[in-house]
Amino acid sequence: MPENKNKRQKVTVEELALSNMYQLEAMIELLEEKGLLTKQEVLERIKDMRGN
């Protein structure tokens, strides 16, 4: 069995943040395309969660 099976790849905080941003944007776009929500609804929810 290869020893590198459990090795983790090191990434920077910036790379992690960018990856997370792209994943969220893709999910929002797919949900919007399916008519399940709008970007405006997402922005309003974020604003509510921040307490603004």
Protein backbone atom coordinates (compact mmCIF):
# COMPACT_ATOMS: atom_id res chain seq x y z
CA MET A 1 0.00 0.00 0.00
CA PRO A 2 1.45 3.42 -0.91
CA GLU A 3 2.67 5.45 2.06
CA ASN A 4 1.52 8.80 0.64
CA LYS A 5 -2.15 7.75 0.80
CA ASN A 6 -2.71 9.68 4.04
CA LYS A 7 -0.48 12.67 3.27
CA ARG A 8 -2.22 16.02 3.16
CA GLN A 9 -1.49 18.74 0.67
CA LYS A 10 -0.55 22.05 2.27
CA VAL A 11 -2.49 25.07 1.06
CA THR A 12 -2.41 28.70 2.04
CA VAL A 13 -5.28 30.45 3.77
CA GLU A 14 -5.75 32.46 0.57
CA GLU A 15 -6.05 29.31 -1.55
CA LEU A 16 -8.54 27.86 0.91
CA ALA A 17 -10.61 31.06 0.92
CA LEU A 18 -10.64 31.22 -2.88
CA SER A 19 -11.66 27.58 -3.16
CA ASN A 20 -14.47 28.12 -0.69
CA MET A 21 -15.62 31.24 -2.56
CA TYR A 22 -15.75 29.42 -5.90
CA GLN A 23 -17.66 26.49 -4.41
CA LEU A 24 -20.24 28.77 -2.82
CA GLU A 25 -20.64 30.82 -5.98
CA ALA A 26 -21.14 27.67 -8.06
CA MET A 27 -23.81 26.37 -5.66
CA ILE A 28 -25.62 29.71 -5.62
CA GLU A 29 -25.59 29.90 -9.41
CA LEU A 30 -26.95 26.35 -9.73
CA LEU A 31 -29.73 27.01 -7.22
CA GLU A 32 -30.59 30.24 -9.02
CA GLU A 33 -30.66 28.47 -12.41
CA LYS A 34 -33.08 25.92 -10.95
CA GLY A 35 -35.30 28.72 -9.67
CA LEU A 36 -34.85 27.78 -6.02
CA LEU A 37 -33.42 31.11 -4.88
CA THR A 38 -31.95 34.38 -6.10
CA LYS A 39 -28.61 35.98 -5.37
CA GLN A 40 -30.53 38.80 -3.72
CA GLU A 41 -32.08 36.31 -1.28
CA VAL A 42 -28.62 35.01 -0.44
CA LEU A 43 -27.29 38.53 0.11
CA GLU A 44 -30.26 39.36 2.35
CA ARG A 45 -29.67 36.20 4.40
CA ILE A 46 -25.98 37.04 4.80
CA LYS A 47 -26.94 40.54 5.93
CA ASP A 48 -29.40 39.09 8.46
CA MET A 49 -26.79 36.65 9.78
CA ARG A 50 -24.30 39.47 10.27
CA GLY A 51 -26.90 41.40 12.23
CA ASN A 52 -27.03 44.35 9.82
